[in-house]
Amino acid sequence: MRLFLLTFLCMTIFASNSILCRSALITFGMGPLQYTAIRGLCAAAMLAGLCIMGIIRKKREGAGTLVQAWEQSSWSGAAGLFLYMLCFSLGYVDIPSAAGTLVLNTAVQFCMVGWGIFHGIRPGRQQSLGLFTAFAGLVWLVFPGLSSPPLWNAFLMACSGFAFGWFSLVGRKSTSAALATAGNFIRCVPGGLAVAAAALCLEHGAPWQAVACAVVSGGIASSLGYILWYAIVPRYSLVSSSIIQLSIPVITALLAVIFLGEAITWHLVFCSALILGGIGMATLAQRQKG
């Protein structure tokens, strides 16, 4: 039950990132490059501060906390994290919250499961059926039609999902979720500064409400949410840790209705039912195997 509650909290935090991003970009007119830079730099500053204050603890004596955070992280994980944040912001310029996170988290699933298959971890028959059902729901969601999201934005969200999947895979190797997350965000600082410079040249200034959304997303939802995710992801199998993230679109859809006034179409409901049905089949199969 404790793991379930922590997982639900983590998925809700991830869903709030979609709401904060859409609010900043659409409601308040912020540029996606500005949002990416502020989000990433605030997350890095928050986590570095927690390391300096000793709230994020060292794994061993001797080296400082920031040094150990650097050692626990990697340029590979940081690259996945930065690409996720950048494509996330660019994709959400013109795609509804629920549809965007549905594409993103389906891409996370196929990245992680595909990696497992490549390394000899074969899903069972019921898990395979769940994966196929989820994939069918994604295809139906982006299939050309009046209620389908823009293909380019869906592609960007898929790239964001694959990048986050890679970030999650790299995180499974860490021995400290907090240190690894802090180190990866700190490694993203050069990319954040480069994007900030580009934003100064290409985008207009943003209102304080949009800046606040980006700060909250980076300083709280991203930094603390990813620490929690890195902590719980080793408790799940590779298949389960990927498919469980497909619960995020449902949470996002509910939050979007409440806070953004977005409509839920029958097209989205049907596609969500297919994808969440796939989650149920694959998760049940994993529990039966356990």
C-alpha atoms as a PDB file:
ATOM      1  CA  MET A   1       0.000   0.000   0.000  1.00  0.00           C
ATOM      2  CA  ARG A   2       2.851   2.393   0.791  1.00  0.00           C
ATOM      3  CA  LEU A   3       4.424   1.736  -2.604  1.00  0.00           C
ATOM      4  CA  PHE A   4       1.057   2.228  -4.299  1.00  0.00           C
ATOM      5  CA  LEU A   5       0.491   5.586  -2.583  1.00  0.00           C
ATOM      6  CA  LEU A   6       3.994   6.785  -3.415  1.00  0.00           C
ATOM      7  CA  THR A   7       3.514   5.701  -7.016  1.00  0.00           C
ATOM      8  CA  PHE A   8       0.175   7.531  -7.268  1.00  0.00           C
ATOM      9  CA  LEU A   9       1.758  10.663  -5.778  1.00  0.00           C
ATOM     10  CA  CYS A  10       4.627  10.451  -8.264  1.00  0.00           C
ATOM     11  CA  MET A  11       2.280  10.040 -11.231  1.00  0.00           C
ATOM     12  CA  THR A  12       0.197  13.016 -10.042  1.00  0.00           C
ATOM     13  CA  ILE A  13       3.336  15.153  -9.811  1.00  0.00           C
ATOM     14  CA  PHE A  14       4.269  14.142 -13.351  1.00  0.00           C
ATOM     15  CA  ALA A  15       0.756  15.027 -14.535  1.00  0.00           C
ATOM     16  CA  SER A  16       1.030  18.455 -12.901  1.00  0.00           C
ATOM     17  CA  ASN A  17       4.071  19.168 -15.089  1.00  0.00           C
ATOM     18  CA  SER A  18       1.799  18.976 -18.139  1.00  0.00           C
ATOM     19  CA  ILE A  19      -0.707  21.376 -16.574  1.00  0.00           C
ATOM     20  CA  LEU A  20       1.995  23.847 -15.549  1.00  0.00           C
ATOM     21  CA  CYS A  21       3.574  23.742 -19.013  1.00  0.00           C
ATOM     22  CA  ARG A  22       0.290  24.245 -20.864  1.00  0.00           C
ATOM     23  CA  SER A  23      -0.644  27.068 -18.489  1.00  0.00           C
ATOM     24  CA  ALA A  24       2.637  28.873 -19.101  1.00  0.00           C
ATOM     25  CA  LEU A  25       2.666  28.370 -22.881  1.00  0.00           C
ATOM     26  CA  ILE A  26      -1.004  28.753 -23.784  1.00  0.00           C
ATOM     27  CA  THR A  27      -2.677  30.686 -20.985  1.00  0.00           C
ATOM     28  CA  PHE A  28       0.154  33.148 -20.345  1.00  0.00           C
ATOM     29  CA  GLY A  29       1.962  33.099 -23.719  1.00  0.00           C
ATOM     30  CA  MET A  30       5.439  32.030 -22.638  1.00  0.00           C
ATOM     31  CA  GLY A  31       7.941  30.753 -25.203  1.00  0.00           C
ATOM     32  CA  PRO A  32       8.907  27.068 -25.005  1.00  0.00           C
ATOM     33  CA  LEU A  33      12.630  27.820 -24.886  1.00  0.00           C
ATOM     34  CA  GLN A  34      12.175  30.139 -21.909  1.00  0.00           C
ATOM     35  CA  TYR A  35      10.085  27.520 -20.158  1.00  0.00           C
ATOM     36  CA  THR A  36      12.688  24.801 -20.725  1.00  0.00           C
ATOM     37  CA  ALA A  37      15.535  26.978 -19.468  1.00  0.00           C
ATOM     38  CA  ILE A  38      13.768  28.189 -16.323  1.00  0.00           C
ATOM     39  CA  ARG A  39      12.429  24.750 -15.486  1.00  0.00           C
ATOM     40  CA  GLY A  40      15.790  23.025 -15.853  1.00  0.00           C
ATOM     41  CA  LEU A  41      17.868  25.693 -14.105  1.00  0.00           C
ATOM     42  CA  CYS A  42      15.440  25.984 -11.173  1.00  0.00           C
ATOM     43  CA  ALA A  43      15.455  22.219 -10.705  1.00  0.00           C
ATOM     44  CA  ALA A  44      19.266  22.197 -10.728  1.00  0.00           C
ATOM     45  CA  ALA A  45      19.419  25.076  -8.235  1.00  0.00           C
ATOM     46  CA  MET A  46      16.888  23.428  -5.908  1.00  0.00           C
ATOM     47  CA  LEU A  47      18.692  20.076  -5.905  1.00  0.00           C
ATOM     48  CA  ALA A  48      22.148  21.631  -5.521  1.00  0.00           C
ATOM     49  CA  GLY A  49      20.826  23.608  -2.552  1.00  0.00           C
ATOM     50  CA  LEU A  50      19.417  20.449  -0.964  1.00  0.00           C
ATOM     51  CA  CYS A  51      22.821  18.813  -1.387  1.00  0.00           C
ATOM     52  CA  ILE A  52      24.668  21.755   0.177  1.00  0.00           C
ATOM     53  CA  MET A  53      22.237  21.913   3.129  1.00  0.00           C
ATOM     54  CA  GLY A  54      22.632  18.194   3.740  1.00  0.00           C
ATOM     55  CA  ILE A  55      18.963  17.371   3.108  1.00  0.00           C
ATOM     56  CA  ILE A  56      20.126  15.100   0.301  1.00  0.00           C
ATOM     57  CA  ARG A  57      22.528  12.857   2.167  1.00  0.00           C
ATOM     58  CA  LYS A  58      25.848  11.411   1.127  1.00  0.00           C
ATOM     59  CA  LYS A  59      26.231   7.708   0.481  1.00  0.00           C
ATOM     60  CA  ARG A  60      29.713   7.534   2.016  1.00  0.00           C
ATOM     61  CA  GLU A  61      32.132   9.607   4.014  1.00  0.00           C
ATOM     62  CA  GLY A  62      34.938  11.528   2.409  1.00  0.00           C
ATOM     63  CA  ALA A  63      33.698  13.164  -0.802  1.00  0.00           C
ATOM     64  CA  GLY A  64      31.200  16.032  -0.588  1.00  0.00           C
ATOM     65  CA  THR A  65      27.535  15.618  -1.443  1.00  0.00           C
ATOM     66  CA  LEU A  66      27.792  17.496  -4.734  1.00  0.00           C
ATOM     67  CA  VAL A  67      30.778  15.379  -5.750  1.00  0.00           C
ATOM     68  CA  GLN A  68      28.849  12.209  -4.995  1.00  0.00           C
ATOM     69  CA  ALA A  69      25.837  13.546  -6.892  1.00  0.00           C
ATOM     70  CA  TRP A  70      28.088  14.043  -9.907  1.00  0.00           C
ATOM     71  CA  GLU A  71      29.449  10.504  -9.522  1.00  0.00           C
ATOM     72  CA  GLN A  72      25.962   8.970  -9.238  1.00  0.00           C
ATOM     73  CA  SER A  73      24.789  10.736 -12.410  1.00  0.00           C
ATOM     74  CA  SER A  74      25.997  10.458 -15.992  1.00  0.00           C
ATOM     75  CA  TRP A  75      26.144  12.519 -19.155  1.00  0.00           C
ATOM     76  CA  SER A  76      23.959   9.877 -20.776  1.00  0.00           C
ATOM     77  CA  GLY A  77      21.217  10.296 -18.185  1.00  0.00           C
ATOM     78  CA  ALA A  78      21.537  14.083 -18.295  1.00  0.00           C
ATOM     79  CA  ALA A  79      21.203  14.065 -22.094  1.00  0.00           C
ATOM     80  CA  GLY A  80      17.992  12.060 -21.841  1.00  0.00           C
ATOM     81  CA  LEU A  81      16.659  14.403 -19.156  1.00  0.00           C
ATOM     82  CA  PHE A  82      17.478  17.568 -21.117  1.00  0.00           C
ATOM     83  CA  LEU A  83      16.054  16.238 -24.391  1.00  0.00           C
ATOM     84  CA  TYR A  84      12.897  15.210 -22.537  1.00  0.00           C
ATOM     85  CA  MET A  85      12.416  18.737 -21.127  1.00  0.00           C
ATOM     86  CA  LEU A  86      13.131  20.479 -24.435  1.00  0.00           C
ATOM     87  CA  CYS A  87      10.841  18.314 -26.591  1.00  0.00           C
ATOM     88  CA  PHE A  88       8.202  18.428 -23.854  1.00  0.00           C
ATOM     89  CA  SER A  89       8.007  22.227 -24.026  1.00  0.00           C
ATOM     90  CA  LEU A  90       8.172  22.411 -27.832  1.00  0.00           C
ATOM     91  CA  GLY A  91       5.509  19.732 -28.225  1.00  0.00           C
ATOM     92  CA  TYR A  92       3.031  21.304 -25.837  1.00  0.00           C
ATOM     93  CA  VAL A  93       2.843  24.487 -27.909  1.00  0.00           C
ATOM     94  CA  ASP A  94      -0.016  22.981 -29.930  1.00  0.00           C
ATOM     95  CA  ILE A  95      -1.359  19.782 -28.384  1.00  0.00           C
ATOM     96  CA  PRO A  96      -3.951  19.300 -25.601  1.00  0.00           C
ATOM     97  CA  SER A  97      -2.656  18.289 -22.178  1.00  0.00           C
ATOM     98  CA  ALA A  98      -4.158  14.797 -22.046  1.00  0.00           C
ATOM     99  CA  ALA A  99      -3.309  13.887 -25.641  1.00  0.00           C
ATOM    100  CA  GLY A 100       0.254  15.130 -25.218  1.00  0.00           C
ATOM    101  CA  THR A 101       0.935  13.144 -22.083  1.00  0.00           C
ATOM    102  CA  LEU A 102      -0.768  10.095 -23.598  1.00  0.00           C
ATOM    103  CA  VAL A 103       1.682  10.122 -26.516  1.00  0.00           C
ATOM    104  CA  LEU A 104       4.615  10.859 -24.216  1.00  0.00           C
ATOM    105  CA  ASN A 105       3.958   8.077 -21.734  1.00  0.00           C
ATOM    106  CA  THR A 106       3.192   5.518 -24.419  1.00  0.00           C
ATOM    107  CA  ALA A 107       6.592   6.348 -25.919  1.00  0.00           C
ATOM    108  CA  VAL A 108       8.163   5.845 -22.469  1.00  0.00           C
ATOM    109  CA  GLN A 109       6.611   2.403 -22.341  1.00  0.00           C
ATOM    110  CA  PHE A 110       7.891   1.276 -25.714  1.00  0.00           C
ATOM    111  CA  CYS A 111      11.357   2.667 -25.028  1.00  0.00           C
ATOM    112  CA  MET A 112      11.728   0.770 -21.760  1.00  0.00           C
ATOM    113  CA  VAL A 113      10.097  -2.453 -22.928  1.00  0.00           C
ATOM    114  CA  GLY A 114      12.002  -2.321 -26.213  1.00  0.00           C
ATOM    115  CA  TRP A 115      15.244  -1.991 -24.296  1.00  0.00           C
ATOM    116  CA  GLY A 116      14.285  -4.987 -22.191  1.00  0.00           C
ATOM    117  CA  ILE A 117      13.462  -7.096 -25.253  1.00  0.00           C
ATOM    118  CA  PHE A 118      16.765  -6.095 -26.861  1.00  0.00           C
ATOM    119  CA  HIS A 119      18.552  -7.350 -23.747  1.00  0.00           C
ATOM    120  CA  GLY A 120      16.681 -10.636 -23.602  1.00  0.00           C
ATOM    121  CA  ILE A 121      13.823  -9.747 -21.226  1.00  0.00           C
ATOM    122  CA  ARG A 122      10.802 -11.175 -23.021  1.00  0.00           C
ATOM    123  CA  PRO A 123       7.298 -10.101 -21.992  1.00  0.00           C
ATOM    124  CA  GLY A 124       4.800 -12.909 -21.515  1.00  0.00           C
ATOM    125  CA  ARG A 125       1.780 -13.517 -23.710  1.00  0.00           C
ATOM    126  CA  GLN A 126      -0.567 -11.414 -21.600  1.00  0.00           C
ATOM    127  CA  GLN A 127       1.995  -8.626 -21.293  1.00  0.00           C
ATOM    128  CA  SER A 128       2.485  -8.694 -25.062  1.00  0.00           C
ATOM    129  CA  LEU A 129      -1.258  -8.410 -25.569  1.00  0.00           C
ATOM    130  CA  GLY A 130      -1.290  -5.444 -23.214  1.00  0.00           C
ATOM    131  CA  LEU A 131       1.515  -3.782 -25.161  1.00  0.00           C
ATOM    132  CA  PHE A 132      -0.266  -4.373 -28.452  1.00  0.00           C
ATOM    133  CA  THR A 133      -3.518  -2.945 -27.055  1.00  0.00           C
ATOM    134  CA  ALA A 134      -1.731   0.154 -25.771  1.00  0.00           C
ATOM    135  CA  PHE A 135       0.019   0.625 -29.113  1.00  0.00           C
ATOM    136  CA  ALA A 136      -3.311   0.309 -30.966  1.00  0.00           C
ATOM    137  CA  GLY A 137      -4.740   3.021 -28.739  1.00  0.00           C
ATOM    138  CA  LEU A 138      -1.820   5.312 -29.522  1.00  0.00           C
ATOM    139  CA  VAL A 139      -2.120   4.735 -33.269  1.00  0.00           C
ATOM    140  CA  TRP A 140      -5.837   5.471 -33.124  1.00  0.00           C
ATOM    141  CA  LEU A 141      -5.172   8.631 -31.120  1.00  0.00           C
ATOM    142  CA  VAL A 142      -2.792  10.152 -33.684  1.00  0.00           C
ATOM    143  CA  PHE A 143      -4.537   8.741 -36.770  1.00  0.00           C
ATOM    144  CA  PRO A 144      -5.472  11.682 -39.034  1.00  0.00           C
ATOM    145  CA  GLY A 145      -8.882  13.047 -38.203  1.00  0.00           C
ATOM    146  CA  LEU A 146     -10.738  16.075 -36.875  1.00  0.00           C
ATOM    147  CA  SER A 147      -9.930  15.342 -33.236  1.00  0.00           C
ATOM    148  CA  SER A 148      -6.382  14.080 -33.714  1.00  0.00           C
ATOM    149  CA  PRO A 149      -3.509  16.157 -32.298  1.00  0.00           C
ATOM    150  CA  PRO A 150      -1.087  17.837 -34.750  1.00  0.00           C
ATOM    151  CA  LEU A 151       1.317  15.196 -36.042  1.00  0.00           C
ATOM    152  CA  TRP A 152       4.482  17.293 -35.556  1.00  0.00           C
ATOM    153  CA  ASN A 153       3.620  18.051 -31.943  1.00  0.00           C
ATOM    154  CA  ALA A 154       2.744  14.403 -31.346  1.00  0.00           C
ATOM    155  CA  PHE A 155       6.155  13.487 -32.779  1.00  0.00           C
ATOM    156  CA  LEU A 156       7.888  15.898 -30.401  1.00  0.00           C
ATOM    157  CA  MET A 157       6.000  14.434 -27.449  1.00  0.00           C
ATOM    158  CA  ALA A 158       7.025  10.947 -28.572  1.00  0.00           C
ATOM    159  CA  CYS A 159      10.672  12.063 -28.693  1.00  0.00           C
ATOM    160  CA  SER A 160      10.225  13.479 -25.202  1.00  0.00           C
ATOM    161  CA  GLY A 161       8.841  10.144 -24.035  1.00  0.00           C
ATOM    162  CA  PHE A 162      11.700   8.133 -25.517  1.00  0.00           C
ATOM    163  CA  ALA A 163      14.182  10.505 -23.878  1.00  0.00           C
ATOM    164  CA  PHE A 164      12.488  10.112 -20.498  1.00  0.00           C
ATOM    165  CA  GLY A 165      12.454   6.355 -20.977  1.00  0.00           C
ATOM    166  CA  TRP A 166      16.210   6.439 -21.466  1.00  0.00           C
ATOM    167  CA  PHE A 167      16.580   8.657 -18.393  1.00  0.00           C
ATOM    168  CA  SER A 168      14.588   6.089 -16.380  1.00  0.00           C
ATOM    169  CA  LEU A 169      16.659   3.187 -17.670  1.00  0.00           C
ATOM    170  CA  VAL A 170      19.896   4.889 -16.714  1.00  0.00           C
ATOM    171  CA  GLY A 171      18.397   5.686 -13.293  1.00  0.00           C
ATOM    172  CA  ARG A 172      17.884   1.998 -12.520  1.00  0.00           C
ATOM    173  CA  LYS A 173      21.650   1.652 -12.151  1.00  0.00           C
ATOM    174  CA  SER A 174      22.037   4.331  -9.461  1.00  0.00           C
ATOM    175  CA  THR A 175      22.387   3.499  -5.767  1.00  0.00           C
ATOM    176  CA  SER A 176      20.965   6.845  -4.601  1.00  0.00           C
ATOM    177  CA  ALA A 177      17.879   8.273  -6.295  1.00  0.00           C
ATOM    178  CA  ALA A 178      18.325  11.733  -4.807  1.00  0.00           C
ATOM    179  CA  LEU A 179      22.026  12.039  -5.636  1.00  0.00           C
ATOM    180  CA  ALA A 180      21.548  10.729  -9.169  1.00  0.00           C
ATOM    181  CA  THR A 181      18.669  13.117  -9.869  1.00  0.00           C
ATOM    182  CA  ALA A 182      20.609  16.076  -8.486  1.00  0.00           C
ATOM    183  CA  GLY A 183      23.678  15.194 -10.516  1.00  0.00           C
ATOM    184  CA  ASN A 184      21.742  14.776 -13.745  1.00  0.00           C
ATOM    185  CA  PHE A 185      20.013  18.152 -13.367  1.00  0.00           C
ATOM    186  CA  ILE A 186      23.326  19.812 -12.543  1.00  0.00           C
ATOM    187  CA  ARG A 187      24.835  18.292 -15.697  1.00  0.00           C
ATOM    188  CA  CYS A 188      21.905  19.859 -17.630  1.00  0.00           C
ATOM    189  CA  VAL A 189      22.939  23.397 -16.591  1.00  0.00           C
ATOM    190  CA  PRO A 190      25.108  24.082 -19.705  1.00  0.00           C
ATOM    191  CA  GLY A 191      22.200  23.057 -21.941  1.00  0.00           C
ATOM    192  CA  GLY A 192      19.831  25.198 -19.904  1.00  0.00           C
ATOM    193  CA  LEU A 193      22.076  28.232 -20.266  1.00  0.00           C
ATOM    194  CA  ALA A 194      22.368  27.657 -24.022  1.00  0.00           C
ATOM    195  CA  VAL A 195      18.577  27.437 -24.392  1.00  0.00           C
ATOM    196  CA  ALA A 196      18.184  30.569 -22.226  1.00  0.00           C
ATOM    197  CA  ALA A 197      20.523  32.458 -24.564  1.00  0.00           C
ATOM    198  CA  ALA A 198      18.518  31.282 -27.564  1.00  0.00           C
ATOM    199  CA  ALA A 199      15.289  32.343 -25.855  1.00  0.00           C
ATOM    200  CA  LEU A 200      16.644  35.861 -25.311  1.00  0.00           C
ATOM    201  CA  CYS A 201      17.200  36.156 -29.059  1.00  0.00           C
ATOM    202  CA  LEU A 202      14.089  34.377 -30.359  1.00  0.00           C
ATOM    203  CA  GLU A 203      11.290  34.883 -27.834  1.00  0.00           C
ATOM    204  CA  HIS A 204       9.576  37.850 -26.185  1.00  0.00           C
ATOM    205  CA  GLY A 205       9.421  38.392 -22.444  1.00  0.00           C
ATOM    206  CA  ALA A 206       6.991  36.330 -20.408  1.00  0.00           C
ATOM    207  CA  PRO A 207       4.594  37.524 -17.668  1.00  0.00           C
ATOM    208  CA  TRP A 208       5.332  36.655 -14.052  1.00  0.00           C
ATOM    209  CA  GLN A 209       2.534  34.053 -13.963  1.00  0.00           C
ATOM    210  CA  ALA A 210       4.254  32.037 -16.681  1.00  0.00           C
ATOM    211  CA  VAL A 211       7.617  32.353 -14.963  1.00  0.00           C
ATOM    212  CA  ALA A 212       5.986  31.138 -11.734  1.00  0.00           C
ATOM    213  CA  CYS A 213       4.660  28.044 -13.541  1.00  0.00           C
ATOM    214  CA  ALA A 214       8.135  27.231 -14.860  1.00  0.00           C
ATOM    215  CA  VAL A 215       9.735  27.802 -11.439  1.00  0.00           C
ATOM    216  CA  VAL A 216       7.218  25.538  -9.682  1.00  0.00           C
ATOM    217  CA  SER A 217       7.614  22.896 -12.385  1.00  0.00           C
ATOM    218  CA  GLY A 218      11.402  22.895 -12.067  1.00  0.00           C
ATOM    219  CA  GLY A 219      11.893  23.675  -8.403  1.00  0.00           C
ATOM    220  CA  ILE A 220       9.204  21.345  -7.055  1.00  0.00           C
ATOM    221  CA  ALA A 221       7.399  19.086  -9.545  1.00  0.00           C
ATOM    222  CA  SER A 222      10.461  18.081 -11.571  1.00  0.00           C
ATOM    223  CA  SER A 223      13.239  17.981  -8.998  1.00  0.00           C
ATOM    224  CA  LEU A 224      11.326  16.361  -6.142  1.00  0.00           C
ATOM    225  CA  GLY A 225       9.145  14.263  -8.448  1.00  0.00           C
ATOM    226  CA  TYR A 226      12.118  12.693 -10.180  1.00  0.00           C
ATOM    227  CA  ILE A 227      13.808  11.902  -6.873  1.00  0.00           C
ATOM    228  CA  LEU A 228      10.672   9.997  -5.922  1.00  0.00           C
ATOM    229  CA  TRP A 229      10.541   8.257  -9.313  1.00  0.00           C
ATOM    230  CA  TYR A 230      14.193   7.220  -9.174  1.00  0.00           C
ATOM    231  CA  ALA A 231      13.524   5.841  -5.682  1.00  0.00           C
ATOM    232  CA  ILE A 232      10.532   3.682  -6.605  1.00  0.00           C
ATOM    233  CA  VAL A 233      11.446   2.551 -10.138  1.00  0.00           C
ATOM    234  CA  PRO A 234      13.808  -0.226  -8.921  1.00  0.00           C
ATOM    235  CA  ARG A 235      10.863  -1.722  -6.981  1.00  0.00           C
ATOM    236  CA  TYR A 236       9.080  -2.562 -10.222  1.00  0.00           C
ATOM    237  CA  SER A 237       9.997  -4.859 -13.059  1.00  0.00           C
ATOM    238  CA  LEU A 238      11.146  -3.230 -16.291  1.00  0.00           C
ATOM    239  CA  VAL A 239       7.764  -3.875 -17.914  1.00  0.00           C
ATOM    240  CA  SER A 240       5.702  -2.699 -14.944  1.00  0.00           C
ATOM    241  CA  SER A 241       7.777   0.447 -14.377  1.00  0.00           C
ATOM    242  CA  SER A 242       7.098   1.500 -17.966  1.00  0.00           C
ATOM    243  CA  ILE A 243       3.409   0.676 -18.283  1.00  0.00           C
ATOM    244  CA  ILE A 244       2.460   2.123 -14.913  1.00  0.00           C
ATOM    245  CA  GLN A 245       3.286   5.581 -16.274  1.00  0.00           C
ATOM    246  CA  LEU A 246       0.361   5.293 -18.674  1.00  0.00           C
ATOM    247  CA  SER A 247      -1.902   6.178 -15.752  1.00  0.00           C
ATOM    248  CA  ILE A 248      -0.578   9.741 -16.051  1.00  0.00           C
ATOM    249  CA  PRO A 249      -2.805  10.721 -19.037  1.00  0.00           C
ATOM    250  CA  VAL A 250      -5.971   9.989 -17.056  1.00  0.00           C
ATOM    251  CA  ILE A 251      -4.779  12.117 -14.147  1.00  0.00           C
ATOM    252  CA  THR A 252      -3.676  14.829 -16.577  1.00  0.00           C
ATOM    253  CA  ALA A 253      -7.057  14.832 -18.330  1.00  0.00           C
ATOM    254  CA  LEU A 254      -8.872  15.359 -15.033  1.00  0.00           C
ATOM    255  CA  LEU A 255      -6.506  18.145 -13.981  1.00  0.00           C
ATOM    256  CA  ALA A 256      -6.822  19.798 -17.420  1.00  0.00           C
ATOM    257  CA  VAL A 257     -10.614  19.878 -17.122  1.00  0.00           C
ATOM    258  CA  ILE A 258     -10.387  21.404 -13.630  1.00  0.00           C
ATOM    259  CA  PHE A 259      -7.614  23.940 -14.134  1.00  0.00           C
ATOM    260  CA  LEU A 260      -7.473  24.634 -17.887  1.00  0.00           C
ATOM    261  CA  GLY A 261     -11.064  24.079 -18.972  1.00  0.00           C
ATOM    262  CA  GLU A 262     -10.018  21.609 -21.672  1.00  0.00           C
ATOM    263  CA  ALA A 263     -12.714  19.385 -23.133  1.00  0.00           C
ATOM    264  CA  ILE A 264     -12.516  15.607 -23.093  1.00  0.00           C
ATOM    265  CA  THR A 265     -13.558  14.131 -26.452  1.00  0.00           C
ATOM    266  CA  TRP A 266     -14.960  10.663 -27.077  1.00  0.00           C
ATOM    267  CA  HIS A 267     -11.959  10.043 -29.303  1.00  0.00           C
ATOM    268  CA  LEU A 268      -9.622  10.644 -26.368  1.00  0.00           C
ATOM    269  CA  VAL A 269     -11.791   8.580 -24.016  1.00  0.00           C
ATOM    270  CA  PHE A 270     -11.784   5.606 -26.383  1.00  0.00           C
ATOM    271  CA  CYS A 271      -8.032   5.759 -26.974  1.00  0.00           C
ATOM    272  CA  SER A 272      -7.379   6.145 -23.244  1.00  0.00           C
ATOM    273  CA  ALA A 273      -9.537   3.087 -22.552  1.00  0.00           C
ATOM    274  CA  LEU A 274      -7.452   1.011 -24.970  1.00  0.00           C
ATOM    275  CA  ILE A 275      -4.180   2.181 -23.476  1.00  0.00           C
ATOM    276  CA  LEU A 276      -5.277   1.783 -19.869  1.00  0.00           C
ATOM    277  CA  GLY A 277      -6.700  -1.624 -20.730  1.00  0.00           C
ATOM    278  CA  GLY A 278      -3.233  -2.557 -21.911  1.00  0.00           C
ATOM    279  CA  ILE A 279      -1.837  -1.344 -18.583  1.00  0.00           C
ATOM    280  CA  GLY A 280      -4.278  -3.536 -16.704  1.00  0.00           C
ATOM    281  CA  MET A 281      -3.465  -6.668 -18.691  1.00  0.00           C
ATOM    282  CA  ALA A 282       0.291  -6.230 -18.449  1.00  0.00           C
ATOM    283  CA  THR A 283       0.258  -5.293 -14.763  1.00  0.00           C
ATOM    284  CA  LEU A 284      -1.989  -8.239 -13.854  1.00  0.00           C
ATOM    285  CA  ALA A 285       0.324 -10.561 -15.755  1.00  0.00           C
ATOM    286  CA  GLN A 286       3.321  -9.221 -13.820  1.00  0.00           C
ATOM    287  CA  ARG A 287       1.537  -9.739 -10.481  1.00  0.00           C
ATOM    288  CA  GLN A 288       0.605 -13.293 -11.412  1.00  0.00           C
ATOM    289  CA  LYS A 289       4.218 -14.049 -12.323  1.00  0.00           C
ATOM    290  CA  GLY A 290       5.334 -12.573  -8.978  1.00  0.00           C
END
